[in-house]
C-alpha atoms as a PDB file:
ATOM      1  CA  ALA A   1      -6.983 -44.196  -4.031  1.00  0.00           C
ATOM      2  CA  HIS A   2     -10.695 -43.463  -4.200  1.00  0.00           C
ATOM      3  CA  LEU A   3     -11.650 -47.102  -3.601  1.00  0.00           C
ATOM      4  CA  ALA A   4      -9.290 -47.296  -0.624  1.00  0.00           C
ATOM      5  CA  GLN A   5     -10.961 -44.238   0.915  1.00  0.00           C
ATOM      6  CA  ILE A   6     -14.402 -45.789   0.421  1.00  0.00           C
ATOM      7  CA  LEU A   7     -13.288 -49.048   2.051  1.00  0.00           C
ATOM      8  CA  ARG A   8     -11.388 -47.453   4.924  1.00  0.00           C
ATOM      9  CA  PRO A   9     -14.282 -47.417   7.451  1.00  0.00           C
ATOM     10  CA  PHE A  10     -14.847 -51.133   6.874  1.00  0.00           C
ATOM     11  CA  LEU A  11     -11.147 -51.957   7.036  1.00  0.00           C
ATOM     12  CA  GLU A  12     -10.752 -50.034  10.296  1.00  0.00           C
ATOM     13  CA  LYS A  13     -13.330 -52.333  11.919  1.00  0.00           C
ATOM     14  CA  SER A  14     -11.249 -55.381  11.087  1.00  0.00           C
ATOM     15  CA  GLU A  15      -8.764 -56.725  13.601  1.00  0.00           C
ATOM     16  CA  ARG A  16      -6.126 -57.045  10.897  1.00  0.00           C
ATOM     17  CA  ALA A  17      -6.943 -55.599   7.491  1.00  0.00           C
ATOM     18  CA  HIS A  18      -4.764 -55.972   4.427  1.00  0.00           C
ATOM     19  CA  ILE A  19      -4.810 -54.254   1.052  1.00  0.00           C
ATOM     20  CA  LEU A  20      -2.919 -56.099  -1.656  1.00  0.00           C
ATOM     21  CA  ASN A  21      -2.094 -54.209  -4.815  1.00  0.00           C
ATOM     22  CA  ILE A  22      -1.091 -56.181  -7.891  1.00  0.00           C
ATOM     23  CA  SER A  23       1.581 -54.576 -10.017  1.00  0.00           C
ATOM     24  CA  SER A  24       4.204 -55.768 -12.454  1.00  0.00           C
ATOM     25  CA  MET A  25       7.943 -56.214 -12.657  1.00  0.00           C
ATOM     26  CA  GLY A  26       7.637 -53.649 -15.454  1.00  0.00           C
ATOM     27  CA  GLY A  27       7.181 -51.038 -12.732  1.00  0.00           C
ATOM     28  CA  TYR A  28       9.681 -52.478 -10.267  1.00  0.00           C
ATOM     29  CA  GLN A  29      12.812 -50.385  -9.792  1.00  0.00           C
ATOM     30  CA  GLY A  30      15.863 -52.018 -11.323  1.00  0.00           C
ATOM     31  CA  SER A  31      13.987 -54.534 -13.446  1.00  0.00           C
ATOM     32  CA  SER A  32      14.195 -54.794 -17.230  1.00  0.00           C
ATOM     33  CA  LYS A  33      12.226 -52.206 -19.193  1.00  0.00           C
ATOM     34  CA  PHE A  34      10.960 -52.615 -22.736  1.00  0.00           C
ATOM     35  CA  PRO A  35      10.314 -50.190 -25.608  1.00  0.00           C
ATOM     36  CA  GLY A  36       6.667 -49.341 -26.122  1.00  0.00           C
ATOM     37  CA  LEU A  37       5.674 -50.070 -22.522  1.00  0.00           C
ATOM     38  CA  MET A  38       6.458 -46.685 -20.946  1.00  0.00           C
ATOM     39  CA  GLY A  39       2.856 -45.931 -19.977  1.00  0.00           C
ATOM     40  CA  TYR A  40       2.347 -49.418 -18.580  1.00  0.00           C
ATOM     41  CA  SER A  41       5.584 -49.395 -16.585  1.00  0.00           C
ATOM     42  CA  THR A  42       5.130 -45.901 -15.159  1.00  0.00           C
ATOM     43  CA  SER A  43       1.575 -46.673 -14.023  1.00  0.00           C
ATOM     44  CA  LYS A  44       2.819 -49.820 -12.283  1.00  0.00           C
ATOM     45  CA  GLY A  45       5.623 -47.846 -10.649  1.00  0.00           C
ATOM     46  CA  ALA A  46       3.064 -45.343  -9.383  1.00  0.00           C
ATOM     47  CA  LEU A  47       1.101 -48.183  -7.784  1.00  0.00           C
ATOM     48  CA  SER A  48       4.238 -49.174  -5.881  1.00  0.00           C
ATOM     49  CA  ILE A  49       4.643 -45.657  -4.455  1.00  0.00           C
ATOM     50  CA  PHE A  50       0.914 -45.511  -3.646  1.00  0.00           C
ATOM     51  CA  THR A  51       1.313 -48.761  -1.693  1.00  0.00           C
ATOM     52  CA  GLU A  52       4.208 -47.419   0.370  1.00  0.00           C
ATOM     53  CA  CYS A  53       2.426 -44.138   1.107  1.00  0.00           C
ATOM     54  CA  LEU A  54      -0.881 -45.766   2.043  1.00  0.00           C
ATOM     55  CA  ALA A  55       0.855 -48.218   4.373  1.00  0.00           C
ATOM     56  CA  GLU A  56       2.523 -45.335   6.191  1.00  0.00           C
ATOM     57  CA  GLU A  57      -0.614 -43.194   6.358  1.00  0.00           C
ATOM     58  CA  TRP A  58      -2.792 -46.032   7.692  1.00  0.00           C
ATOM     59  CA  ARG A  59      -0.182 -47.791   9.834  1.00  0.00           C
ATOM     60  CA  ASP A  60      -1.806 -46.651  13.092  1.00  0.00           C
ATOM     61  CA  LYS A  61      -5.183 -47.998  11.901  1.00  0.00           C
ATOM     62  CA  ASN A  62      -3.860 -51.603  11.703  1.00  0.00           C
ATOM     63  CA  ILE A  63      -4.385 -51.627   7.952  1.00  0.00           C
ATOM     64  CA  ALA A  64      -1.463 -53.191   6.121  1.00  0.00           C
ATOM     65  CA  CYS A  65      -0.817 -52.437   2.476  1.00  0.00           C
ATOM     66  CA  ASN A  66       1.549 -54.379   0.243  1.00  0.00           C
ATOM     67  CA  CYS A  67       2.182 -54.736  -3.459  1.00  0.00           C
ATOM     68  CA  LEU A  68       3.157 -57.798  -5.458  1.00  0.00           C
ATOM     69  CA  CYS A  69       5.032 -57.066  -8.674  1.00  0.00           C
ATOM     70  CA  LEU A  70       4.317 -60.004 -10.914  1.00  0.00           C
ATOM     71  CA  GLY A  71       6.839 -61.304 -13.363  1.00  0.00           C
ATOM     72  CA  ALA A  72       6.057 -63.107 -16.573  1.00  0.00           C
ATOM     73  CA  VAL A  73       2.817 -65.095 -16.419  1.00  0.00           C
ATOM     74  CA  GLN A  74       1.411 -66.841 -19.472  1.00  0.00           C
ATOM     75  CA  THR A  75      -1.564 -64.634 -20.346  1.00  0.00           C
ATOM     76  CA  GLU A  76      -3.119 -63.198 -23.490  1.00  0.00           C
ATOM     77  CA  MET A  77      -1.602 -59.812 -22.684  1.00  0.00           C
ATOM     78  CA  LEU A  78       1.902 -61.279 -22.454  1.00  0.00           C
ATOM     79  CA  ALA A  79       1.423 -63.198 -25.704  1.00  0.00           C
ATOM     80  CA  GLN A  80       0.433 -59.975 -27.486  1.00  0.00           C
ATOM     81  CA  ALA A  81       3.308 -57.969 -26.018  1.00  0.00           C
ATOM     82  CA  PHE A  82       5.959 -60.663 -26.540  1.00  0.00           C
ATOM     83  CA  PRO A  83       4.902 -63.024 -29.354  1.00  0.00           C
ATOM     84  CA  GLY A  84       6.510 -66.439 -29.029  1.00  0.00           C
ATOM     85  CA  TYR A  85       7.668 -65.952 -25.437  1.00  0.00           C
ATOM     86  CA  GLU A  86       6.709 -68.774 -23.067  1.00  0.00           C
ATOM     87  CA  ALA A  87       6.344 -67.588 -19.483  1.00  0.00           C
ATOM     88  CA  PRO A  88       7.555 -69.852 -16.676  1.00  0.00           C
ATOM     89  CA  LEU A  89       4.254 -69.577 -14.773  1.00  0.00           C
ATOM     90  CA  SER A  90       0.635 -70.211 -15.654  1.00  0.00           C
ATOM     91  CA  SER A  91      -2.052 -67.795 -14.553  1.00  0.00           C
ATOM     92  CA  ASP A  92      -3.487 -70.545 -12.312  1.00  0.00           C
ATOM     93  CA  LYS A  93      -0.209 -70.965 -10.422  1.00  0.00           C
ATOM     94  CA  MET A  94       0.268 -67.231  -9.979  1.00  0.00           C
ATOM     95  CA  GLY A  95      -3.369 -66.871  -8.947  1.00  0.00           C
ATOM     96  CA  SER A  96      -2.872 -69.490  -6.245  1.00  0.00           C
ATOM     97  CA  PHE A  97       0.192 -67.663  -4.951  1.00  0.00           C
ATOM     98  CA  ILE A  98      -1.661 -64.328  -4.887  1.00  0.00           C
ATOM     99  CA  ALA A  99      -4.572 -65.890  -2.981  1.00  0.00           C
ATOM    100  CA  TYR A 100      -2.170 -67.400  -0.448  1.00  0.00           C
ATOM    101  CA  PHE A 101      -0.265 -64.154   0.040  1.00  0.00           C
ATOM    102  CA  ALA A 102      -3.475 -62.147   0.384  1.00  0.00           C
ATOM    103  CA  THR A 103      -4.838 -64.417   3.110  1.00  0.00           C
ATOM    104  CA  GLU A 104      -1.770 -65.797   4.900  1.00  0.00           C
ATOM    105  CA  GLY A 105       1.576 -64.642   3.557  1.00  0.00           C
ATOM    106  CA  HIS A 106       1.251 -60.952   4.291  1.00  0.00           C
ATOM    107  CA  HIS A 107       1.418 -61.188   8.081  1.00  0.00           C
ATOM    108  CA  PHE A 108       5.074 -60.130   8.232  1.00  0.00           C
ATOM    109  CA  PHE A 109       4.875 -57.299   5.716  1.00  0.00           C
ATOM    110  CA  ASN A 110       3.559 -53.760   5.565  1.00  0.00           C
ATOM    111  CA  GLY A 111       4.412 -51.131   2.993  1.00  0.00           C
ATOM    112  CA  LYS A 112       6.442 -53.579   0.960  1.00  0.00           C
ATOM    113  CA  VAL A 113       6.751 -53.801  -2.803  1.00  0.00           C
ATOM    114  CA  LEU A 114       7.690 -57.409  -3.427  1.00  0.00           C
ATOM    115  CA  PRO A 115       8.761 -59.069  -6.659  1.00  0.00           C
ATOM    116  CA  ALA A 116       6.837 -62.264  -7.426  1.00  0.00           C
ATOM    117  CA  ALA A 117       8.741 -63.494 -10.436  1.00  0.00           C
ATOM    118  CA  LEU A 118      10.772 -66.387 -11.723  1.00  0.00           C
ATOM    119  CA  SER A 119      11.997 -64.181 -14.542  1.00  0.00           C
ATOM    120  CA  THR A 120      11.294 -60.857 -16.200  1.00  0.00           C
ATOM    121  CA  PRO A 121       9.715 -59.117 -18.201  1.00  0.00           C
END
C-alpha cells in the first residue's frame, strides 16, 4: 500500500496506468488449501482484497489494478513445500505470461483477481 501511494503521482500522469499484483492460488477463494501454509495463503488472500479496493479507489484516476493468482510453477519454493511434485509450468513460461499480461493483456480488466494456473496448489 505504501509503495502504491508513493507511485500514485507518477501513475496519474500516465494515459493508462496499470498495477499488477502477483499472488497465488493459495490465496484464491475456493482453491485447494494445504496444512502449514496458513500464513502464506492468508497474506495472498489479503493481496487480492487490496487489489479490488485499490482499483475502486483509483478508478477515476485511470489507474487499473489487477491481481494474477499463480498456480503451480516449478520453483525452489514449490520444491521445498511439495517435495517430488513436478509443476506443469516453468518459471520462464509463467514469467513470459506475466510480462504479456502486464503490458498487453490487462486492457479489458480492472479490479480483477484472476487465476493463472493449469493446476493447483
